[in-house]
Each structure stands twice: as structure tokens, then as C-alpha cells.
Amino acid sequence: MNTKHVMDAVEIGRAITRIAHEILEKNKGTNDLAIIGIRTEGAVLADRLYEKIKEIEGVEVLLGVLDITLYRDDLSEIGPQPEVHSTEIDFDISEKKIILVDDVLFTGRTIRCAIDQLIDFGRPQSIQLAVLIDRGHRELPVKADYVGKNVPTSLKEEVFVRFADDPGKDEVTIAMKKDIENHEED
């Protein structure tokens, strides 16, 4: 399979540190701040941002996980029995500055689903978007407030963010879709 390296663990770590500082600067600290990651890789990135903000400020902000499966507009395309995980938001989001976190921003549809679901939980003061990779190709008017790296891609490519148990093994790669399909057939 022909894959292209985009970011290694050190570059991902730097991006997370930068995004954490940008979040703190824009929001003037941690007051009323809550981080909510979109399951699965977005939740891992949210946890990493949470830890970095805690390290920088010495304060724990609110942390949650959102499963948008039932809010997707392509639910029928996923299959007859989509796997649904739990949403873990054990705090009132009303009047909070929500940092919504996902690994890759592509068409914007995932983010729209996540915002729809968040609004069902309450009325936040604001919703800001943090992503590790922005690959373009928007279908909806969605723009990230915080971006680790802009990576122009073709529609024939797929972006893979891999968060390992050991952050030293994290990576972002790109592969051509036909290479992925051929590899799956092997």
C-alpha cells in the first residue's frame, strides 16, 4: 500500500501544545471551558488537549465524549445495525464555552451532526471547533477555530490518524482509496 507520511508523534505533540495555548488565549483562560471529543479519535485528541491544558494552567476543565452515530445523515449507508457507543457528558453544557474536537475535518457533515446533538443537551455560550487535520473538500459551511495542520488532499485519498497507547507512536498518514481497497481484498 502506498502511504504518505503527514505527521509523526513529535509533530502531533507540538500541534496539540499549540492548539491548547490558542484555546487558552482565545478564551482568556479556563473559565466556563469544556472540551468534548467526537468518538473515537476525536475523543482521544480531546483527552490529549485536556491533559495539555491541565499541564499548562494547573486546572482541570470539563471533559466529555460525544457519539454522533444516531445523528448521522448517512445512517442508512453505514449498515443495518450501526454500532452505537455511549455519549459521556456528565455536566450541564449551558453557558459553557464548548471546544468540540475531532481528528479530521473533511466535508463538515460530522461536525454538523455533533452540533445538532450538543444543542439537544443545552444551550452553550459558544461552540468552537478544534481539529488535528483539515483536509478541505467542505460540503457544509464549517470552519475550524483551531487546526493542527492543513493538508490539501484529493477526493481519492484517505487520511488516517492513529493515536497509540504510547503517544510516542502517534502518526498521521494518507493513502489512495484504491490502494486501501486493493489492500483489503488481499
Protein backbone atom coordinates (compact mmCIF):
# COMPACT_ATOMS: atom_id res chain seq x y z
CA MET A 1 0.00 0.00 0.00
CA ASN A 2 1.35 3.42 -0.97
CA THR A 3 1.07 5.69 2.08
CA LYS A 4 2.43 9.16 2.61
CA HIS A 5 3.65 10.35 6.00
CA VAL A 6 1.96 13.58 7.17
CA MET A 7 2.82 13.93 10.88
CA ASP A 8 4.83 11.92 13.37
CA ALA A 9 4.40 11.78 17.15
CA VAL A 10 6.62 14.82 17.79
CA GLU A 11 4.72 16.94 15.25
CA ILE A 12 1.37 15.82 16.68
CA GLY A 13 2.58 16.68 20.19
CA ARG A 14 3.64 20.16 19.06
CA ALA A 15 0.29 20.71 17.33
CA ILE A 16 -1.60 19.70 20.47
CA THR A 17 0.52 22.07 22.58
CA ARG A 18 -0.08 24.93 20.13
CA ILE A 19 -3.83 24.29 19.94
CA ALA A 20 -4.05 24.18 23.76
CA HIS A 21 -2.29 27.56 24.00
CA GLU A 22 -4.55 29.03 21.29
CA ILE A 23 -7.66 27.79 23.13
CA LEU A 24 -6.46 29.34 26.39
CA GLU A 25 -5.56 32.62 24.70
CA LYS A 26 -8.84 32.97 22.77
CA ASN A 27 -10.94 32.06 25.83
CA LYS A 28 -8.82 34.07 28.29
CA GLY A 29 -8.13 31.02 30.44
CA THR A 30 -10.26 28.09 31.51
CA ASN A 31 -13.35 29.78 32.99
CA ASP A 32 -16.54 28.01 31.73
CA LEU A 33 -14.43 25.92 29.33
CA ALA A 34 -15.44 22.35 28.41
CA ILE A 35 -13.79 20.01 25.92
CA ILE A 36 -15.96 17.46 24.11
CA GLY A 37 -14.43 14.94 21.72
CA ILE A 38 -16.27 13.17 18.92
CA ARG A 39 -15.88 9.43 19.33
CA THR A 40 -13.42 7.76 18.51
CA GLU A 41 -10.20 9.57 17.53
CA GLY A 42 -11.70 12.97 18.35
CA ALA A 43 -12.23 11.73 21.91
CA VAL A 44 -8.57 10.71 22.16
CA LEU A 45 -7.48 14.11 20.85
CA ALA A 46 -9.86 15.82 23.32
CA ASP A 47 -8.26 13.87 26.16
CA ARG A 48 -4.78 14.92 24.99
CA LEU A 49 -5.89 18.58 24.84
CA TYR A 50 -7.45 18.25 28.30
CA GLU A 51 -4.17 16.91 29.70
CA LYS A 52 -2.12 19.65 27.99
CA ILE A 53 -4.40 22.42 29.31
CA LYS A 54 -4.20 20.89 32.78
CA GLU A 55 -0.39 20.86 32.49
CA ILE A 56 -0.26 24.49 31.30
CA GLU A 57 -2.86 26.02 33.63
CA GLY A 58 -2.86 23.60 36.56
CA VAL A 59 -6.66 23.42 36.23
CA GLU A 60 -8.95 20.60 35.16
CA VAL A 61 -11.60 21.68 32.67
CA LEU A 62 -14.77 19.72 31.96
CA LEU A 63 -14.28 16.79 29.57
CA GLY A 64 -16.87 14.81 27.64
CA VAL A 65 -17.29 12.39 24.74
CA LEU A 66 -19.95 12.56 22.05
CA ASP A 67 -21.14 9.61 19.96
CA ILE A 68 -22.91 11.03 16.90
CA THR A 69 -23.88 7.70 15.30
CA LEU A 70 -27.64 8.22 15.57
CA TYR A 71 -27.36 11.83 14.36
CA ARG A 72 -25.56 10.99 11.10
CA ASP A 73 -27.29 11.85 7.82
CA ASP A 74 -25.81 8.71 6.21
CA LEU A 75 -27.03 6.26 8.85
CA SER A 76 -28.71 4.02 6.27
CA GLU A 77 -25.41 3.75 4.35
CA ILE A 78 -23.47 2.56 7.41
CA GLY A 79 -25.40 -0.70 7.58
CA PRO A 80 -28.48 -2.25 9.15
CA GLN A 81 -27.01 -2.36 12.68
CA PRO A 82 -24.63 0.59 13.23
CA GLU A 83 -22.53 0.29 16.35
CA VAL A 84 -23.69 2.87 18.88
CA HIS A 85 -21.48 3.86 21.80
CA SER A 86 -22.37 5.99 24.76
CA THR A 87 -22.18 9.75 24.92
CA GLU A 88 -20.45 10.76 28.13
CA ILE A 89 -21.31 14.32 29.06
CA ASP A 90 -21.98 14.39 32.79
CA PHE A 91 -22.22 18.16 33.14
CA ASP A 92 -24.61 20.89 32.04
CA ILE A 93 -23.28 22.44 28.82
CA SER A 94 -25.50 25.53 29.17
CA GLU A 95 -23.47 28.75 29.17
CA LYS A 96 -20.21 26.78 28.67
CA LYS A 97 -17.59 27.54 26.04
CA ILE A 98 -17.51 24.17 24.28
CA ILE A 99 -14.39 23.09 22.42
CA LEU A 100 -15.68 20.42 20.04
CA VAL A 101 -12.80 18.17 18.98
CA ASP A 102 -12.37 15.83 16.03
CA ASP A 103 -9.34 14.30 14.36
CA VAL A 104 -10.01 15.18 10.69
CA LEU A 105 -12.23 17.89 9.22
CA PHE A 106 -13.43 16.87 5.76
CA THR A 107 -16.95 17.60 4.43
CA GLY A 108 -18.26 19.18 7.64
CA ARG A 109 -21.12 16.70 7.97
CA THR A 110 -19.74 15.04 11.11
CA ILE A 111 -19.42 18.44 12.77
CA ARG A 112 -22.98 19.38 11.81
CA CYS A 113 -24.22 16.16 13.42
CA ALA A 114 -22.19 16.83 16.55
CA ILE A 115 -23.53 20.39 16.87
CA ASP A 116 -27.11 19.10 16.43
CA GLN A 117 -26.54 16.63 19.24
CA LEU A 118 -24.85 19.20 21.51
CA ILE A 119 -27.80 21.57 21.15
CA ASP A 120 -30.05 18.74 22.39
CA PHE A 121 -28.00 18.82 25.64
CA GLY A 122 -28.44 22.54 26.25
CA ARG A 123 -27.51 25.99 25.03
CA PRO A 124 -23.77 26.57 25.25
CA GLN A 125 -22.29 30.07 25.33
CA SER A 126 -20.25 29.12 22.25
CA ILE A 127 -19.06 26.11 20.28
CA GLN A 128 -15.53 26.25 18.89
CA LEU A 129 -14.01 23.56 16.70
CA ALA A 130 -10.54 22.06 17.14
CA VAL A 131 -9.17 19.51 14.66
CA LEU A 132 -5.79 17.90 14.15
CA ILE A 133 -6.10 17.77 10.34
CA ASP A 134 -8.13 19.96 7.99
CA ARG A 135 -8.14 18.27 4.59
CA GLY A 136 -10.57 20.56 2.76
CA HIS A 137 -13.45 19.46 0.49
CA ARG A 138 -16.21 21.05 2.57
CA GLU A 139 -19.84 20.33 1.67
CA LEU A 140 -21.19 22.47 4.50
CA PRO A 141 -20.09 25.90 5.75
CA VAL A 142 -17.91 24.66 8.59
CA LYS A 143 -14.53 26.12 9.56
CA ALA A 144 -12.27 25.05 12.40
CA ASP A 145 -11.18 27.60 15.01
CA TYR A 146 -8.05 25.58 15.82
CA VAL A 147 -6.16 23.43 13.30
CA GLY A 148 -3.10 21.28 13.88
CA LYS A 149 -2.23 21.09 10.20
CA ASN A 150 -3.90 21.92 6.88
CA VAL A 151 -3.34 19.03 4.48
CA PRO A 152 -4.65 19.51 0.95
CA THR A 153 -5.90 16.16 -0.34
CA SER A 154 -7.67 14.76 -3.36
CA LEU A 155 -11.00 13.01 -3.04
CA LYS A 156 -9.17 9.81 -4.00
CA GLU A 157 -7.16 9.95 -0.76
CA GLU A 158 -7.98 8.88 2.78
CA VAL A 159 -6.42 10.45 5.89
CA PHE A 160 -5.56 8.17 8.83
CA VAL A 161 -4.93 9.50 12.33
CA ARG A 162 -3.53 6.85 14.64
CA PHE A 163 -3.31 7.58 18.34
CA ALA A 164 -1.35 4.88 20.14
CA ASP A 165 -1.44 4.00 23.83
CA ASP A 166 2.12 5.32 23.80
CA PRO A 167 1.89 8.90 22.41
CA GLY A 168 5.41 8.42 21.02
CA LYS A 169 3.89 6.15 18.35
CA ASP A 170 1.15 8.51 17.12
CA GLU A 171 1.05 9.26 13.39
CA VAL A 172 -0.96 10.74 10.55
CA THR A 173 -0.74 9.22 7.07
CA ILE A 174 -2.52 9.50 3.72
CA ALA A 175 -3.26 6.63 1.34
CA MET A 176 -5.02 6.42 -2.00
CA LYS A 177 -8.51 4.88 -1.73
CA LYS A 178 -7.80 2.32 -4.46
CA ASP A 179 -4.70 1.18 -2.53
CA ILE A 180 -6.88 0.76 0.56
CA GLU A 181 -9.50 -1.24 -1.38
CA ASN A 182 -6.81 -3.43 -3.00
CA HIS A 183 -5.18 -3.97 0.37
CA GLU A 184 -8.49 -5.01 1.94
CA GLU A 185 -9.02 -7.58 -0.79
CA ASP A 186 -5.63 -9.21 -0.14
